[in-house]
Amino acid sequence: MRGGSCIFPLIDIVVLDLSRLLPGPFCTMILADFGAEVIKIEAPGAGDYARHFEPKLDENSTMFHSLNRNKKSIVLDLKSEEGKKEFLKMAETADVVVESFRPGVMKRLGLDYETLKKANPGLVYCAITGYGQTGPYAQMPGHDINYISYAGLLNLMGEKGGKPVVPAVQIADIGGGAYPAVVGILLALLEREKSGKGQFVDISMMDGVLSFMQATLPNYLMKKIDAKRGKQMLSGALACYGVYETKDGRWLAVGALEPKFWANFCNGIMRPDLIPLQNEPIVQEKLKREIETIILQKSLSEWMEIFKDTEACVTPVLDFSEMEHHQQVVARKMIQTVPVENVGEVKQIGIPIKLSDTPGKIRFEAPKLGDSRTLHE
């Protein structure tokens, strides 16, 4: 599944990827989609743990195939002298190293940034960890749920009076870790163009999540206005921004925040008398109950017919089967069909970053363990 003559913005960048599971591989997937030569450095035997998840596509999991397209793989035992020597040799000519071990692991192996930059002063070294390289929690273990809980985000998720709700996607892993890592790496590469020197990129998933809360945290930091679960403007406080059940057991998402959208919504449900109440705090719970009663009177398709030509920010809550065939998803090529050796054509998540002149592309499938194809081809 080699891709044609397209020019990629990262075509000359070589990335050594020591990461496993989700945050690091997501980061390097983006780099690979835009032409970087990403070489997964995997331990003998199991390799990346994500290979063994269920369900499997072949000997590897569907998740592994999705995250590790456009990459190569070599097997190195970094605990052995031979493996260390081989990695050091590769790092001498690489542009980027990405790892997600706890702080100190790479130093114990003799492969930390301080060691590698002596051999390659232009190396950009990115470490993605839960809590970063410094601070009293730097050595603490954790997962996505722990990082969002310490950051104060989990406490805000869910309905008023209920318990915090665990999100269905890994906010810290991807939003707090993978994407900031991509940005940090690209910033460091841009700076290297000026100075000729690489640098250490320290990514904390907890830091990344904390930085997301621009609509709530500044209110506390500057005015001591605390945030409560289910009482924030965009997470349950307003009737104009929520989810309502329809007659057929489906769900309607309403995001009528602006007055014009709210007016259109109220007219659509035949309740123009509710228009002046949009931002009245003492009536929001009553408003929600009234809207719930109204939305329950019609099916999802009936409501979508009513609002199809109306700017009210009203949308259906889709499942995967509906999302896959939605005209906007199709138009943006966010689900793509690609060939996988010995399997046939499979569908994968597309590329969310659209560049007009040098777009990303799924060029070849995820590597089997130790499948280096031809390095530096």
Protein backbone atom coordinates (compact mmCIF):
# COMPACT_ATOMS: atom_id res chain seq x y z
CA MET A 1 0.00 0.00 0.00
CA ARG A 2 2.67 2.45 -1.06
CA GLY A 3 1.56 5.95 -1.86
CA GLY A 4 2.43 7.75 -5.10
CA SER A 5 4.33 10.94 -5.69
CA CYS A 6 2.70 13.21 -3.11
CA ILE A 7 5.10 15.57 -1.35
CA PHE A 8 4.78 15.32 2.43
CA PRO A 9 5.85 18.12 4.81
CA LEU A 10 7.75 15.71 7.09
CA ILE A 11 9.25 13.52 4.35
CA ASP A 12 12.85 13.88 5.57
CA ILE A 13 12.11 13.49 9.29
CA VAL A 14 13.11 10.23 11.00
CA VAL A 15 11.30 9.40 14.24
CA LEU A 16 12.33 6.64 16.66
CA ASP A 17 9.18 5.66 18.53
CA LEU A 18 9.67 3.85 21.83
CA SER A 19 6.10 4.44 22.98
CA ARG A 20 3.31 1.90 23.35
CA LEU A 21 -0.47 1.74 23.68
CA LEU A 22 -2.27 5.05 22.89
CA PRO A 23 -0.73 8.53 23.57
CA GLY A 24 2.69 8.09 21.96
CA PRO A 25 1.51 5.99 19.00
CA PHE A 26 -1.28 8.52 18.29
CA CYS A 27 1.34 11.29 18.24
CA THR A 28 3.66 9.42 15.91
CA MET A 29 0.72 8.34 13.71
CA ILE A 30 0.10 12.01 12.92
CA LEU A 31 3.77 12.51 12.11
CA ALA A 32 3.77 9.39 9.92
CA ASP A 33 0.59 10.43 8.10
CA PHE A 34 2.45 13.53 6.96
CA GLY A 35 5.50 11.69 5.70
CA ALA A 36 7.82 11.16 8.65
CA GLU A 37 9.66 7.85 8.69
CA VAL A 38 8.45 6.46 12.01
CA ILE A 39 10.32 3.41 13.26
CA LYS A 40 8.74 1.62 16.19
CA ILE A 41 11.38 0.25 18.54
CA GLU A 42 9.73 -2.80 20.10
CA ALA A 43 10.86 -5.23 22.78
CA PRO A 44 11.47 -8.87 21.85
CA GLY A 45 8.47 -11.16 22.20
CA ALA A 46 5.33 -9.10 22.81
CA GLY A 47 6.27 -5.76 21.27
CA ASP A 48 3.70 -3.01 21.68
CA TYR A 49 1.06 -4.24 24.15
CA ALA A 50 -1.69 -2.87 21.88
CA ARG A 51 -0.90 -5.63 19.37
CA HIS A 52 -2.60 -8.12 21.65
CA PHE A 53 -5.87 -6.31 22.38
CA GLU A 54 -9.19 -7.64 21.14
CA PRO A 55 -10.69 -7.71 18.64
CA LYS A 56 -7.93 -8.82 16.28
CA LEU A 57 -7.76 -8.07 12.56
CA ASP A 58 -4.98 -10.58 11.91
CA GLU A 59 -2.37 -11.36 14.56
CA ASN A 60 -2.67 -7.73 15.65
CA SER A 61 -5.60 -5.78 17.08
CA THR A 62 -7.79 -3.37 15.14
CA MET A 63 -6.62 -0.59 17.47
CA PHE A 64 -2.98 -1.38 16.71
CA HIS A 65 -3.63 -1.32 12.97
CA SER A 66 -5.33 2.06 13.25
CA LEU A 67 -2.67 3.74 15.41
CA ASN A 68 0.40 2.33 13.68
CA ARG A 69 -0.27 2.75 9.98
CA ASN A 70 2.54 4.28 7.93
CA LYS A 71 5.14 3.01 10.43
CA LYS A 72 7.94 0.47 10.47
CA SER A 73 9.06 -1.81 13.29
CA ILE A 74 12.32 -3.22 14.52
CA VAL A 75 12.93 -5.40 17.55
CA LEU A 76 15.59 -4.24 20.00
CA ASP A 77 16.34 -5.37 23.53
CA LEU A 78 17.33 -2.07 25.10
CA LYS A 79 18.45 -3.88 28.24
CA SER A 80 21.20 -5.61 26.29
CA GLU A 81 24.47 -3.96 25.29
CA GLU A 82 23.89 -4.92 21.67
CA GLY A 83 20.40 -3.36 21.69
CA LYS A 84 21.63 -0.16 23.32
CA LYS A 85 24.46 0.12 20.82
CA GLU A 86 22.07 -0.29 17.89
CA PHE A 87 19.66 2.29 19.27
CA LEU A 88 22.47 4.79 19.87
CA LYS A 89 23.61 4.31 16.30
CA MET A 90 20.09 4.98 15.00
CA ALA A 91 19.71 8.03 17.25
CA GLU A 92 22.84 9.58 15.78
CA THR A 93 21.02 10.27 12.52
CA ALA A 94 17.41 10.49 13.73
CA ASP A 95 15.49 13.73 14.07
CA VAL A 96 13.07 12.80 16.83
CA VAL A 97 12.79 10.30 19.68
CA VAL A 98 9.41 9.73 21.33
CA GLU A 99 9.06 7.73 24.54
CA SER A 100 6.46 7.30 27.27
CA PHE A 101 8.34 5.61 30.09
CA ARG A 102 8.29 6.93 33.63
CA PRO A 103 10.97 9.57 34.26
CA GLY A 104 14.34 7.98 34.91
CA VAL A 105 13.82 4.75 32.94
CA MET A 106 15.76 5.92 29.89
CA LYS A 107 18.56 7.26 32.09
CA ARG A 108 18.91 3.88 33.77
CA LEU A 109 19.21 2.36 30.30
CA GLY A 110 21.88 4.90 29.41
CA LEU A 111 19.70 6.27 26.61
CA ASP A 112 18.35 9.49 28.09
CA TYR A 113 18.29 12.85 26.33
CA GLU A 114 21.53 14.07 27.90
CA THR A 115 23.32 11.00 26.56
CA LEU A 116 21.71 11.05 23.11
CA LYS A 117 22.26 14.75 22.46
CA LYS A 118 26.01 14.30 22.88
CA ALA A 119 25.91 12.08 19.82
CA ASN A 120 23.26 14.12 18.04
CA PRO A 121 22.94 17.78 19.17
CA GLY A 122 20.05 18.33 16.75
CA LEU A 123 17.88 15.59 18.25
CA VAL A 124 14.37 16.50 19.41
CA TYR A 125 13.50 14.22 22.33
CA CYS A 126 9.86 14.04 23.43
CA ALA A 127 8.76 12.31 26.64
CA ILE A 128 5.03 11.83 27.19
CA THR A 129 4.17 11.01 30.79
CA GLY A 130 1.23 11.29 33.14
CA TYR A 131 2.60 14.01 35.40
CA GLY A 132 5.70 15.30 33.60
CA GLN A 133 9.40 15.07 34.42
CA THR A 134 9.25 17.22 37.56
CA GLY A 135 7.13 17.59 40.67
CA PRO A 136 6.30 15.20 43.53
CA TYR A 137 4.04 13.03 41.33
CA ALA A 138 6.53 12.55 38.50
CA GLN A 139 7.08 8.90 39.44
CA MET A 140 3.43 8.11 40.15
CA PRO A 141 1.62 5.58 37.94
CA GLY A 142 -1.68 6.56 36.39
CA HIS A 143 -4.18 6.33 33.57
CA ASP A 144 -6.47 8.74 31.76
CA ILE A 145 -9.05 8.71 34.57
CA ASN A 146 -6.38 9.67 37.12
CA TYR A 147 -5.00 12.58 35.12
CA ILE A 148 -8.43 14.11 34.49
CA SER A 149 -9.36 13.64 38.14
CA TYR A 150 -6.27 15.46 39.45
CA ALA A 151 -6.77 18.21 36.86
CA GLY A 152 -10.27 18.91 38.20
CA LEU A 153 -12.00 17.98 34.94
CA LEU A 154 -13.61 14.71 36.05
CA ASN A 155 -15.33 16.51 38.93
CA LEU A 156 -17.22 18.63 36.39
CA MET A 157 -18.41 15.76 34.21
CA GLY A 158 -21.93 14.45 34.76
CA GLU A 159 -25.31 15.68 35.87
CA LYS A 160 -26.07 17.80 38.90
CA GLY A 161 -26.54 15.60 41.94
CA GLY A 162 -24.97 12.59 40.24
CA LYS A 163 -21.53 11.07 40.41
CA PRO A 164 -18.72 12.13 38.05
CA VAL A 165 -19.08 10.43 34.67
CA VAL A 166 -16.05 8.80 33.05
CA PRO A 167 -15.73 10.10 29.46
CA ALA A 168 -16.05 7.67 26.56
CA VAL A 169 -12.80 8.83 24.96
CA GLN A 170 -9.34 9.20 26.47
CA ILE A 171 -9.18 12.96 26.95
CA ALA A 172 -5.82 13.02 28.73
CA ASP A 173 -4.14 10.44 26.51
CA ILE A 174 -5.05 12.09 23.22
CA GLY A 175 -5.98 15.70 23.98
CA GLY A 176 -3.62 16.20 26.92
CA GLY A 177 -0.77 14.04 25.67
CA ALA A 178 -0.65 13.10 21.99
CA TYR A 179 -1.65 16.42 20.43
CA PRO A 180 0.56 18.60 22.67
CA ALA A 181 3.40 16.21 21.88
CA VAL A 182 2.89 16.75 18.15
CA VAL A 183 2.85 20.52 18.66
CA GLY A 184 5.93 20.41 20.90
CA ILE A 185 7.87 18.28 18.43
CA LEU A 186 7.00 20.53 15.49
CA LEU A 187 7.89 23.66 17.49
CA ALA A 188 11.23 22.15 18.43
CA LEU A 189 11.92 21.17 14.81
CA LEU A 190 11.06 24.71 13.72
CA GLU A 191 13.46 26.15 16.30
CA ARG A 192 16.14 23.71 15.13
CA GLU A 193 15.93 25.30 11.69
CA LYS A 194 17.17 28.52 13.31
CA SER A 195 19.62 27.29 15.93
CA GLY A 196 20.67 23.88 14.67
CA LYS A 197 20.01 22.45 18.11
CA GLY A 198 17.39 20.03 19.29
CA GLN A 199 15.74 20.09 22.70
CA PHE A 200 13.79 18.11 25.28
CA VAL A 201 9.98 18.22 24.97
CA ASP A 202 8.37 17.46 28.34
CA ILE A 203 4.68 16.55 27.92
CA SER A 204 2.49 15.93 30.97
CA MET A 205 -0.98 14.58 30.24
CA MET A 206 -2.28 16.15 33.44
CA ASP A 207 -0.85 19.54 32.37
CA GLY A 208 -2.52 19.18 29.00
CA VAL A 209 -5.94 18.48 30.50
CA LEU A 210 -5.64 21.31 32.99
CA SER A 211 -4.97 23.72 30.12
CA PHE A 212 -8.27 22.72 28.45
CA MET A 213 -10.45 24.33 31.10
CA GLN A 214 -10.40 27.84 29.68
CA ALA A 215 -14.18 28.28 30.09
CA THR A 216 -14.23 27.43 33.81
CA LEU A 217 -10.86 27.58 35.54
CA PRO A 218 -10.13 31.31 34.93
CA ASN A 219 -13.41 32.11 36.73
CA TYR A 220 -12.02 30.44 39.84
CA LEU A 221 -8.44 31.69 39.53
CA MET A 222 -9.40 35.33 39.06
CA LYS A 223 -12.75 35.63 40.83
CA LYS A 224 -12.86 32.56 43.14
CA ILE A 225 -16.03 31.37 41.41
CA ASP A 226 -15.97 27.60 41.86
CA ALA A 227 -17.29 25.20 39.24
CA LYS A 228 -19.95 22.66 40.12
CA ARG A 229 -20.94 19.51 38.28
CA GLY A 230 -23.98 20.06 36.10
CA LYS A 231 -24.03 23.80 36.75
CA GLN A 232 -21.67 25.09 34.07
CA MET A 233 -23.01 26.85 31.01
CA LEU A 234 -21.82 24.11 28.65
CA SER A 235 -22.32 21.14 30.94
CA GLY A 236 -25.84 21.16 32.27
CA ALA A 237 -26.69 24.59 33.60
CA LEU A 238 -28.76 25.80 30.66
CA ALA A 239 -31.81 24.21 29.06
CA CYS A 240 -30.69 25.53 25.68
CA TYR A 241 -27.58 23.33 25.75
CA GLY A 242 -28.38 19.70 26.47
CA VAL A 243 -29.63 16.33 25.30
CA TYR A 244 -33.30 15.33 25.19
CA GLU A 245 -34.95 11.96 24.63
CA THR A 246 -37.35 11.50 21.73
CA LYS A 247 -40.52 9.42 21.45
CA ASP A 248 -38.68 6.49 19.87
CA GLY A 249 -35.99 6.31 22.54
CA ARG A 250 -33.40 8.25 20.55
CA TRP A 251 -31.68 11.46 21.61
CA LEU A 252 -31.65 15.01 20.32
CA ALA A 253 -28.68 17.31 21.01
CA VAL A 254 -29.57 20.98 21.39
CA GLY A 255 -26.85 23.63 21.29
CA ALA A 256 -28.98 26.75 20.91
CA LEU A 257 -26.66 29.06 22.86
CA GLU A 258 -26.97 32.23 20.82
CA PRO A 259 -30.29 34.11 21.14
CA LYS A 260 -31.13 33.67 17.45
CA PHE A 261 -30.64 29.90 17.67
CA TRP A 262 -32.67 29.72 20.87
CA ALA A 263 -35.51 31.69 19.27
CA ASN A 264 -35.50 29.35 16.28
CA PHE A 265 -35.53 26.33 18.59
CA CYS A 266 -38.44 27.65 20.66
CA ASN A 267 -40.41 28.41 17.53
CA GLY A 268 -39.64 24.92 16.25
CA ILE A 269 -41.13 23.30 19.34
CA MET A 270 -44.07 25.75 19.16
CA ARG A 271 -43.14 27.50 22.40
CA PRO A 272 -42.18 31.09 21.56
CA ASP A 273 -43.13 32.03 25.11
CA LEU A 274 -39.88 30.39 26.30
CA ILE A 275 -37.64 32.73 24.30
CA PRO A 276 -37.25 35.40 27.04
CA LEU A 277 -36.31 32.74 29.62
CA GLN A 278 -33.12 31.50 27.96
CA ASN A 279 -30.66 32.82 30.54
CA GLU A 280 -32.89 33.14 33.60
CA PRO A 281 -31.06 31.01 36.19
CA ILE A 282 -33.99 30.27 38.50
CA VAL A 283 -36.13 28.70 35.76
CA GLN A 284 -33.59 26.46 34.01
CA GLU A 285 -34.67 23.22 35.69
CA LYS A 286 -38.31 23.98 34.92
CA LEU A 287 -37.36 24.81 31.33
CA LYS A 288 -35.57 21.48 30.98
CA ARG A 289 -38.59 19.57 32.21
CA GLU A 290 -40.90 21.38 29.83
CA ILE A 291 -38.59 20.77 26.88
CA GLU A 292 -38.21 17.11 27.88
CA THR A 293 -41.98 16.70 27.79
CA ILE A 294 -42.24 18.34 24.38
CA ILE A 295 -39.36 16.42 22.75
CA LEU A 296 -40.85 13.12 23.98
CA GLN A 297 -43.92 13.73 21.84
CA LYS A 298 -42.17 13.12 18.49
CA SER A 299 -39.64 10.71 17.05
CA LEU A 300 -36.07 11.68 16.20
CA SER A 301 -36.82 11.71 12.48
CA GLU A 302 -39.85 13.92 13.01
CA TRP A 303 -37.80 16.46 14.96
CA MET A 304 -35.04 16.43 12.37
CA GLU A 305 -37.64 17.10 9.67
CA ILE A 306 -38.93 20.08 11.67
CA PHE A 307 -35.44 21.52 12.13
CA LYS A 308 -33.87 20.52 8.79
CA ASP A 309 -33.99 24.03 7.32
CA THR A 310 -33.73 25.89 10.62
CA GLU A 311 -30.55 27.27 12.15
CA ALA A 312 -31.09 26.11 15.72
CA CYS A 313 -28.01 23.91 16.32
CA VAL A 314 -30.20 20.82 16.75
CA THR A 315 -28.62 17.50 15.82
CA PRO A 316 -29.31 13.78 16.20
CA VAL A 317 -27.15 11.73 18.57
CA LEU A 318 -25.68 9.20 16.15
CA ASP A 319 -24.28 5.76 16.76
CA PHE A 320 -21.22 4.51 14.86
CA SER A 321 -23.22 2.91 12.04
CA GLU A 322 -24.99 6.20 11.37
CA MET A 323 -21.89 8.34 11.78
CA GLU A 324 -19.91 6.24 9.29
CA HIS A 325 -22.34 7.01 6.46
CA HIS A 326 -23.16 10.60 7.42
CA GLN A 327 -22.66 12.88 4.45
CA GLN A 328 -20.30 15.22 6.34
CA VAL A 329 -18.06 12.35 7.44
CA VAL A 330 -18.04 11.01 3.89
CA ALA A 331 -17.29 14.42 2.39
CA ARG A 332 -14.36 14.96 4.76
CA LYS A 333 -13.02 11.43 4.10
CA MET A 334 -12.85 10.71 7.82
CA ILE A 335 -13.50 7.02 7.22
CA GLN A 336 -11.17 5.57 4.60
CA THR A 337 -10.89 2.15 3.03
CA VAL A 338 -7.34 0.81 2.85
CA PRO A 339 -5.83 -2.55 1.89
CA VAL A 340 -4.12 -4.74 4.50
CA GLU A 341 -1.93 -7.64 3.41
CA ASN A 342 -3.58 -11.08 3.79
CA VAL A 343 -6.77 -9.44 5.06
CA GLY A 344 -8.16 -7.35 2.22
CA GLU A 345 -9.71 -3.94 2.39
CA VAL A 346 -10.52 -2.54 5.84
CA LYS A 347 -11.86 0.77 7.07
CA GLN A 348 -9.80 3.15 9.17
CA ILE A 349 -10.24 6.55 10.77
CA GLY A 350 -9.14 9.27 8.37
CA ILE A 351 -6.77 12.20 8.82
CA PRO A 352 -8.27 15.15 10.72
CA ILE A 353 -5.65 17.73 9.72
CA LYS A 354 -6.29 18.95 6.17
CA LEU A 355 -3.42 20.67 4.35
CA SER A 356 -4.17 22.17 0.94
CA ASP A 357 -0.81 21.49 -0.74
CA THR A 358 0.84 18.68 1.23
CA PRO A 359 -1.97 16.55 2.67
CA GLY A 360 -1.43 13.52 4.83
CA LYS A 361 -2.06 10.06 3.47
CA ILE A 362 -2.41 6.46 4.66
CA ARG A 363 0.45 4.98 2.64
CA PHE A 364 0.86 1.52 4.12
CA GLU A 365 -0.56 -0.66 6.85
CA ALA A 366 0.72 -1.13 10.40
CA PRO A 367 3.89 -3.22 10.56
CA LYS A 368 4.16 -6.73 11.85
CA LEU A 369 6.57 -7.06 14.75
CA GLY A 370 10.07 -6.48 13.36
CA ASP A 371 8.81 -5.42 9.92
CA SER A 372 11.22 -2.63 9.03
CA ARG A 373 10.43 -2.79 5.29
CA THR A 374 13.44 -0.85 4.05
CA LEU A 375 14.68 1.68 6.55
CA HIS A 376 15.28 5.15 5.11
CA GLU A 377 13.73 4.09 1.79
